[in-house]
Amino acid sequence: MWRVARILRWRRRQPPLIRWLEAIALFGVAFMVRFCLGPLLGVTPFLSFYPAILLAAVLLGWKEASVVLLLSLCAGWYFFLPANMPLLVAGWALAATVNIAIIISLKALAKELDEANERQRLLFQELQHRIANTQQMTIGRLEMIKRRMSDHPAEAEAMLDETIVRMATSADIHRRLHDPALFSQGLESMLGSVLATVIDHGSVRLDLNVEELDLSLDRKSIIAMLVIEVANNAVKHVFQPGRGTSLQVTLRALPGQRAVLKIRDNGPGAPAAGPAAASGQQLGMRILNGLAGQIEGTLRIESGDGTEVIVEFPTGL
């Protein structure tokens, strides 16, 4: 199956003009083979054209294969059809059409399986990264509580209770991220609940401006994961003493059944602190690009007075 997926990816990288030239070349080779073999294929005059049609269906697509079939039928009818056998052309057309349909159906199935596998791989990677970030933030919170226990036991106890609540809420949201009930109160309310498990409202101001769009559950879940990923990165690199203090999340509709998601902080950004930090940032960018790709979106990051992550995507898919 992975070989079929590689063929599909190879086809998508080819310009349309190249694919059509390859289809014409396949027909030309098949015609020359048939013309050179001559009487040897007298009983089955269309035989040499079938491999060309099947190769066009596998390597190029149903449109190119259909054109090769049409050219082959015309050439076979004009040059090689035995006398008084006009119905033979209909048999050639039927057999070739069935073969093309079977190949295209198998390719569509292979494409769906490849996309599902890639989606599962990406979501598993995102889940691992999300859980690791949550654990790092929890460890930092517990270390802070430990330092305050001796001098401020009441404050430490309150912080511990708050941490327990946030961990329980975070675990519940991680578990229900693909549950339609989580979005029943609206996307803005859901994103507020998600971000409450990531950022500290005592030190970070959260500004949500989310338009309630008609999106599928899958798209809403991916938007939530995008917001979580950006917020986690901001907590690690931006929301530190003397740096950023606000996070703004905006989702609005655009003309032509499109929408844009913007996640902005007011910090200076996070310079790389060594190979480990660079590796973590690269993983975060791969996850963001992968999530944006799952909703057919384009991702860009703008830096200046803060850092803004922008994802523009279609809403009608």
Protein backbone atom coordinates (compact mmCIF):
# COMPACT_ATOMS: atom_id res chain seq x y z
CA MET A 1 0.00 0.00 0.00
CA TRP A 2 2.87 2.39 0.72
CA ARG A 3 4.06 1.98 -2.87
CA VAL A 4 0.66 3.16 -4.13
CA ALA A 5 0.87 6.14 -1.76
CA ARG A 6 4.31 7.00 -3.18
CA ILE A 7 2.89 6.84 -6.72
CA LEU A 8 0.07 9.18 -5.72
CA ARG A 9 2.51 11.67 -4.20
CA TRP A 10 4.74 11.41 -7.28
CA ARG A 11 1.75 12.15 -9.53
CA ARG A 12 0.77 15.24 -7.49
CA ARG A 13 4.26 16.67 -7.94
CA GLN A 14 4.04 16.47 -11.75
CA PRO A 15 2.75 19.47 -13.73
CA PRO A 16 -0.44 18.76 -15.74
CA LEU A 17 1.33 19.34 -19.06
CA ILE A 18 3.94 16.69 -18.24
CA ARG A 19 1.21 14.17 -17.33
CA TRP A 20 -0.60 14.75 -20.64
CA LEU A 21 2.65 14.39 -22.60
CA GLU A 22 3.33 11.13 -20.76
CA ALA A 23 -0.16 9.89 -21.65
CA ILE A 24 0.40 10.68 -25.34
CA ALA A 25 3.78 8.95 -25.17
CA LEU A 26 2.19 5.81 -23.69
CA PHE A 27 -0.33 5.72 -26.52
CA GLY A 28 2.43 6.28 -29.07
CA VAL A 29 4.49 3.39 -27.72
CA ALA A 30 1.44 1.09 -27.69
CA PHE A 31 0.56 2.05 -31.26
CA MET A 32 4.11 1.44 -32.50
CA VAL A 33 4.23 -1.95 -30.75
CA ARG A 34 0.90 -2.95 -32.34
CA PHE A 35 1.96 -1.68 -35.76
CA CYS A 36 5.30 -3.53 -35.61
CA LEU A 37 3.81 -6.83 -34.42
CA GLY A 38 1.30 -6.76 -37.25
CA PRO A 39 -0.28 -10.19 -37.96
CA LEU A 40 1.01 -11.66 -34.68
CA LEU A 41 -1.86 -9.87 -32.87
CA GLY A 42 -4.47 -10.48 -35.52
CA VAL A 43 -6.77 -12.41 -33.18
CA THR A 44 -6.58 -9.72 -30.45
CA PRO A 45 -5.78 -6.49 -32.28
CA PHE A 46 -6.36 -4.30 -29.19
CA LEU A 47 -4.03 -6.26 -26.90
CA SER A 48 -1.01 -3.95 -27.02
CA PHE A 49 -3.11 -0.93 -26.00
CA TYR A 50 -4.27 -2.38 -22.66
CA PRO A 51 -0.89 -2.02 -20.88
CA ALA A 52 -0.74 1.64 -21.92
CA ILE A 53 -4.25 2.28 -20.61
CA LEU A 54 -3.53 0.51 -17.30
CA LEU A 55 -0.22 2.33 -16.82
CA ALA A 56 -1.92 5.66 -17.51
CA ALA A 57 -4.59 4.85 -14.90
CA VAL A 58 -2.01 3.80 -12.28
CA LEU A 59 0.65 6.46 -12.84
CA LEU A 60 -1.31 9.44 -14.15
CA GLY A 61 -5.07 9.43 -13.46
CA TRP A 62 -8.48 8.64 -14.86
CA LYS A 63 -8.57 11.63 -17.23
CA GLU A 64 -5.27 10.73 -18.85
CA ALA A 65 -6.25 7.03 -18.95
CA SER A 66 -9.57 7.93 -20.61
CA VAL A 67 -7.76 9.91 -23.31
CA VAL A 68 -5.38 7.01 -23.94
CA LEU A 69 -8.42 4.71 -24.17
CA LEU A 70 -10.18 7.02 -26.63
CA LEU A 71 -7.09 7.33 -28.84
CA SER A 72 -6.57 3.58 -28.71
CA LEU A 73 -10.17 2.88 -29.71
CA CYS A 74 -9.90 5.26 -32.65
CA ALA A 75 -6.56 3.79 -33.79
CA GLY A 76 -7.75 0.22 -33.30
CA TRP A 77 -10.98 0.86 -35.19
CA TYR A 78 -9.27 2.64 -38.10
CA PHE A 79 -6.11 0.53 -38.51
CA PHE A 80 -6.59 -2.89 -36.95
CA LEU A 81 -10.30 -3.78 -36.70
CA PRO A 82 -11.19 -6.91 -38.68
CA ALA A 83 -13.88 -6.52 -41.31
CA ASN A 84 -17.53 -6.96 -40.26
CA MET A 85 -16.73 -6.84 -36.51
CA PRO A 86 -17.85 -3.32 -35.38
CA LEU A 87 -19.16 -4.60 -32.02
CA LEU A 88 -15.63 -5.61 -31.04
CA VAL A 89 -14.87 -1.94 -30.34
CA ALA A 90 -17.64 -1.87 -27.72
CA GLY A 91 -16.08 -4.90 -26.03
CA TRP A 92 -12.67 -3.19 -25.98
CA ALA A 93 -14.20 -0.03 -24.50
CA LEU A 94 -16.14 -1.93 -21.82
CA ALA A 95 -13.18 -4.03 -20.67
CA ALA A 96 -10.82 -1.05 -20.55
CA THR A 97 -13.37 1.16 -18.74
CA VAL A 98 -13.92 -1.50 -16.07
CA ASN A 99 -10.18 -1.82 -15.55
CA ILE A 100 -9.76 1.96 -15.26
CA ALA A 101 -12.63 2.15 -12.75
CA ILE A 102 -11.13 -0.62 -10.60
CA ILE A 103 -7.68 0.98 -10.60
CA ILE A 104 -9.01 4.45 -9.77
CA SER A 105 -11.14 3.02 -6.94
CA LEU A 106 -8.13 1.22 -5.47
CA LYS A 107 -6.03 4.39 -5.76
CA ALA A 108 -8.73 6.41 -3.99
CA LEU A 109 -8.82 3.85 -1.19
CA ALA A 110 -5.03 3.90 -0.91
CA LYS A 111 -5.09 7.70 -0.73
CA GLU A 112 -7.68 7.66 2.05
CA LEU A 113 -5.67 5.11 4.02
CA ASP A 114 -2.47 7.10 3.54
CA GLU A 115 -4.15 10.32 4.70
CA ALA A 116 -5.71 8.56 7.70
CA ASN A 117 -2.32 7.10 8.64
CA GLU A 118 -0.65 10.50 8.35
CA ARG A 119 -3.43 12.09 10.43
CA GLN A 120 -3.06 9.49 13.16
CA ARG A 121 0.72 9.89 13.17
CA LEU A 122 0.42 13.65 13.48
CA LEU A 123 -2.25 13.53 16.19
CA PHE A 124 -0.21 11.03 18.20
CA GLN A 125 2.87 13.25 17.91
CA GLU A 126 0.82 16.29 18.93
CA LEU A 127 -0.67 14.38 21.87
CA GLN A 128 2.79 13.36 23.09
CA HIS A 129 4.05 16.94 22.80
CA ARG A 130 0.95 18.31 24.51
CA ILE A 131 1.21 15.88 27.43
CA ALA A 132 4.95 16.54 27.80
CA ASN A 133 4.30 20.29 27.94
CA THR A 134 1.55 19.78 30.51
CA GLN A 135 3.86 17.68 32.66
CA GLN A 136 6.64 20.27 32.44
CA MET A 137 4.28 23.05 33.53
CA THR A 138 2.95 20.89 36.38
CA ILE A 139 6.48 20.11 37.56
CA GLY A 140 7.34 23.82 37.54
CA ARG A 141 4.20 24.60 39.51
CA LEU A 142 4.96 21.90 42.09
CA GLU A 143 8.52 23.16 42.50
CA MET A 144 7.15 26.64 43.18
CA ILE A 145 4.74 25.22 45.76
CA LYS A 146 7.60 23.33 47.43
CA ARG A 147 9.62 26.53 47.81
CA ARG A 148 6.69 28.32 49.44
CA MET A 149 5.67 25.57 51.81
CA SER A 150 7.95 26.53 54.69
CA ASP A 151 7.40 30.32 54.60
CA HIS A 152 3.83 30.58 53.24
CA PRO A 153 2.03 27.29 53.97
CA ALA A 154 -1.48 28.70 53.41
CA GLU A 155 -0.53 30.16 50.04
CA ALA A 156 1.22 26.93 49.07
CA GLU A 157 -1.87 24.91 49.99
CA ALA A 158 -4.07 27.18 47.87
CA MET A 159 -1.66 26.86 44.95
CA LEU A 160 -1.64 23.08 45.35
CA ASP A 161 -5.45 22.95 45.27
CA GLU A 162 -5.46 25.13 42.14
CA THR A 163 -2.86 22.86 40.48
CA ILE A 164 -4.93 19.76 41.26
CA VAL A 165 -8.02 21.36 39.70
CA ARG A 166 -6.09 22.44 36.60
CA MET A 167 -4.58 18.97 36.16
CA ALA A 168 -7.98 17.33 36.48
CA THR A 169 -9.50 19.79 33.98
CA SER A 170 -6.59 19.32 31.59
CA ALA A 171 -6.91 15.52 31.73
CA ASP A 172 -10.64 15.79 31.07
CA ILE A 173 -10.14 18.07 28.06
CA HIS A 174 -7.38 15.86 26.62
CA ARG A 175 -9.74 12.90 26.91
CA ARG A 176 -12.72 14.70 25.37
CA LEU A 177 -11.00 16.73 22.66
CA HIS A 178 -12.87 14.81 19.92
CA ASP A 179 -16.14 14.64 21.86
CA PRO A 180 -18.96 16.77 20.31
CA ALA A 181 -20.27 17.54 23.81
CA LEU A 182 -17.12 19.54 24.54
CA PHE A 183 -18.13 22.07 21.87
CA SER A 184 -21.82 22.25 22.87
CA GLN A 185 -21.33 25.63 24.60
CA GLY A 186 -19.68 27.15 21.55
CA LEU A 187 -16.13 27.28 20.24
CA GLU A 188 -15.17 30.41 22.18
CA SER A 189 -16.28 28.92 25.50
CA MET A 190 -14.47 25.68 24.68
CA LEU A 191 -11.22 27.50 23.81
CA GLY A 192 -11.50 29.46 27.05
CA SER A 193 -11.77 26.19 28.98
CA VAL A 194 -8.82 24.71 27.09
CA LEU A 195 -6.61 27.74 27.67
CA ALA A 196 -7.50 27.80 31.37
CA THR A 197 -5.58 24.53 31.71
CA VAL A 198 -2.52 25.95 29.96
CA ILE A 199 -2.00 29.56 31.06
CA ASP A 200 -2.16 31.23 34.46
CA HIS A 201 -4.97 33.80 34.47
CA GLY A 202 -3.36 35.49 37.44
CA SER A 203 -0.36 36.63 35.38
CA VAL A 204 -1.60 36.40 31.77
CA ARG A 205 -4.55 38.28 30.31
CA LEU A 206 -6.58 36.22 27.83
CA ASP A 207 -8.53 37.97 25.07
CA LEU A 208 -10.87 35.78 23.01
CA ASN A 209 -12.65 37.06 19.92
CA VAL A 210 -14.03 33.89 18.30
CA GLU A 211 -16.73 33.96 15.65
CA GLU A 212 -19.04 30.94 15.79
CA LEU A 213 -18.47 29.42 12.35
CA ASP A 214 -20.15 26.38 10.84
CA LEU A 215 -17.21 24.00 11.17
CA SER A 216 -17.01 20.24 11.41
CA LEU A 217 -16.06 18.59 14.70
CA ASP A 218 -12.72 17.55 13.20
CA ARG A 219 -11.90 21.15 12.24
CA LYS A 220 -12.91 22.45 15.68
CA SER A 221 -10.71 19.85 17.36
CA ILE A 222 -7.72 20.76 15.21
CA ILE A 223 -8.26 24.48 15.90
CA ALA A 224 -8.28 23.67 19.61
CA MET A 225 -5.04 21.70 19.25
CA LEU A 226 -3.45 24.58 17.32
CA VAL A 227 -4.39 26.99 20.10
CA ILE A 228 -3.10 24.59 22.79
CA GLU A 229 0.22 24.14 20.97
CA VAL A 230 0.79 27.89 20.54
CA ALA A 231 -0.26 28.60 24.14
CA ASN A 232 2.09 25.91 25.45
CA ASN A 233 4.98 27.43 23.51
CA ALA A 234 4.08 30.89 24.81
CA VAL A 235 4.02 29.63 28.41
CA LYS A 236 7.52 28.18 28.00
CA HIS A 237 9.12 31.06 26.08
CA VAL A 238 7.03 34.22 26.50
CA PHE A 239 5.00 34.32 29.72
CA GLN A 240 7.95 34.82 32.04
CA PRO A 241 8.64 37.69 34.49
CA GLY A 242 9.38 40.87 32.61
CA ARG A 243 8.27 39.47 29.26
CA GLY A 244 4.79 38.78 27.79
CA THR A 245 1.55 39.23 29.75
CA SER A 246 -1.28 38.72 27.24
CA LEU A 247 -2.56 36.21 24.70
CA GLN A 248 -5.11 37.11 22.06
CA VAL A 249 -7.03 34.48 20.06
CA THR A 250 -9.11 35.59 17.08
CA LEU A 251 -11.17 33.48 14.69
CA ARG A 252 -13.21 35.15 11.99
CA ALA A 253 -14.73 34.37 8.62
CA LEU A 254 -13.25 35.57 5.33
CA PRO A 255 -14.91 35.92 1.92
CA GLY A 256 -15.10 32.83 -0.24
CA GLN A 257 -15.83 30.23 2.47
CA ARG A 258 -12.53 30.79 4.24
CA ALA A 259 -11.56 31.70 7.78
CA VAL A 260 -8.48 32.90 9.62
CA LEU A 261 -7.21 31.96 13.07
CA LYS A 262 -4.80 34.38 14.75
CA ILE A 263 -2.99 33.71 18.03
CA ARG A 264 -0.91 36.64 19.26
CA ASP A 265 1.18 37.34 22.34
CA ASN A 266 2.82 40.59 23.41
CA GLY A 267 6.20 39.13 24.29
CA PRO A 268 9.59 39.53 22.60
CA GLY A 269 9.70 35.92 21.38
CA ALA A 270 11.92 33.06 22.46
CA PRO A 271 15.53 32.94 21.26
CA ALA A 272 17.02 29.50 20.94
CA ALA A 273 18.88 28.44 24.07
CA GLY A 274 20.91 25.60 22.63
CA PRO A 275 20.42 22.38 20.65
CA ALA A 276 17.70 21.06 22.98
CA ALA A 277 15.66 24.25 22.73
CA ALA A 278 16.12 24.41 18.96
CA SER A 279 15.01 20.79 18.65
CA GLY A 280 11.89 21.49 20.72
CA GLN A 281 11.05 24.55 18.62
CA GLN A 282 11.48 22.57 15.39
CA LEU A 283 9.17 19.87 16.72
CA GLY A 284 6.62 22.52 17.66
CA MET A 285 6.79 24.04 14.16
CA ARG A 286 6.38 20.62 12.54
CA ILE A 287 3.32 19.99 14.66
CA LEU A 288 1.84 23.41 13.84
CA ASN A 289 2.46 22.92 10.11
CA GLY A 290 1.00 19.42 10.27
CA LEU A 291 -2.13 20.59 12.09
CA ALA A 292 -2.61 23.45 9.64
CA GLY A 293 -2.26 20.97 6.78
CA GLN A 294 -4.99 18.77 8.27
CA ILE A 295 -7.52 21.58 7.66
CA GLU A 296 -6.01 22.48 4.26
CA GLY A 297 -4.67 25.68 5.82
CA THR A 298 -1.57 27.80 5.34
CA LEU A 299 0.53 28.76 8.35
CA ARG A 300 2.67 31.84 8.75
CA ILE A 301 4.30 33.49 11.74
CA GLU A 302 4.80 37.24 12.03
CA SER A 303 7.13 38.81 14.59
CA GLY A 304 7.35 42.40 15.69
CA ASP A 305 5.49 43.79 18.66
CA GLY A 306 4.92 40.24 19.87
CA THR A 307 4.56 37.05 17.88
CA GLU A 308 1.46 36.20 15.84
CA VAL A 309 0.62 32.75 14.48
CA ILE A 310 -1.80 32.99 11.55
CA VAL A 311 -3.61 30.05 9.97
CA GLU A 312 -5.90 30.69 7.00
CA PHE A 313 -8.09 27.76 5.97
CA PRO A 314 -11.23 26.87 4.00
CA THR A 315 -14.45 26.27 5.94
CA GLY A 316 -16.42 24.39 3.32
CA LEU A 317 -14.44 21.12 3.25
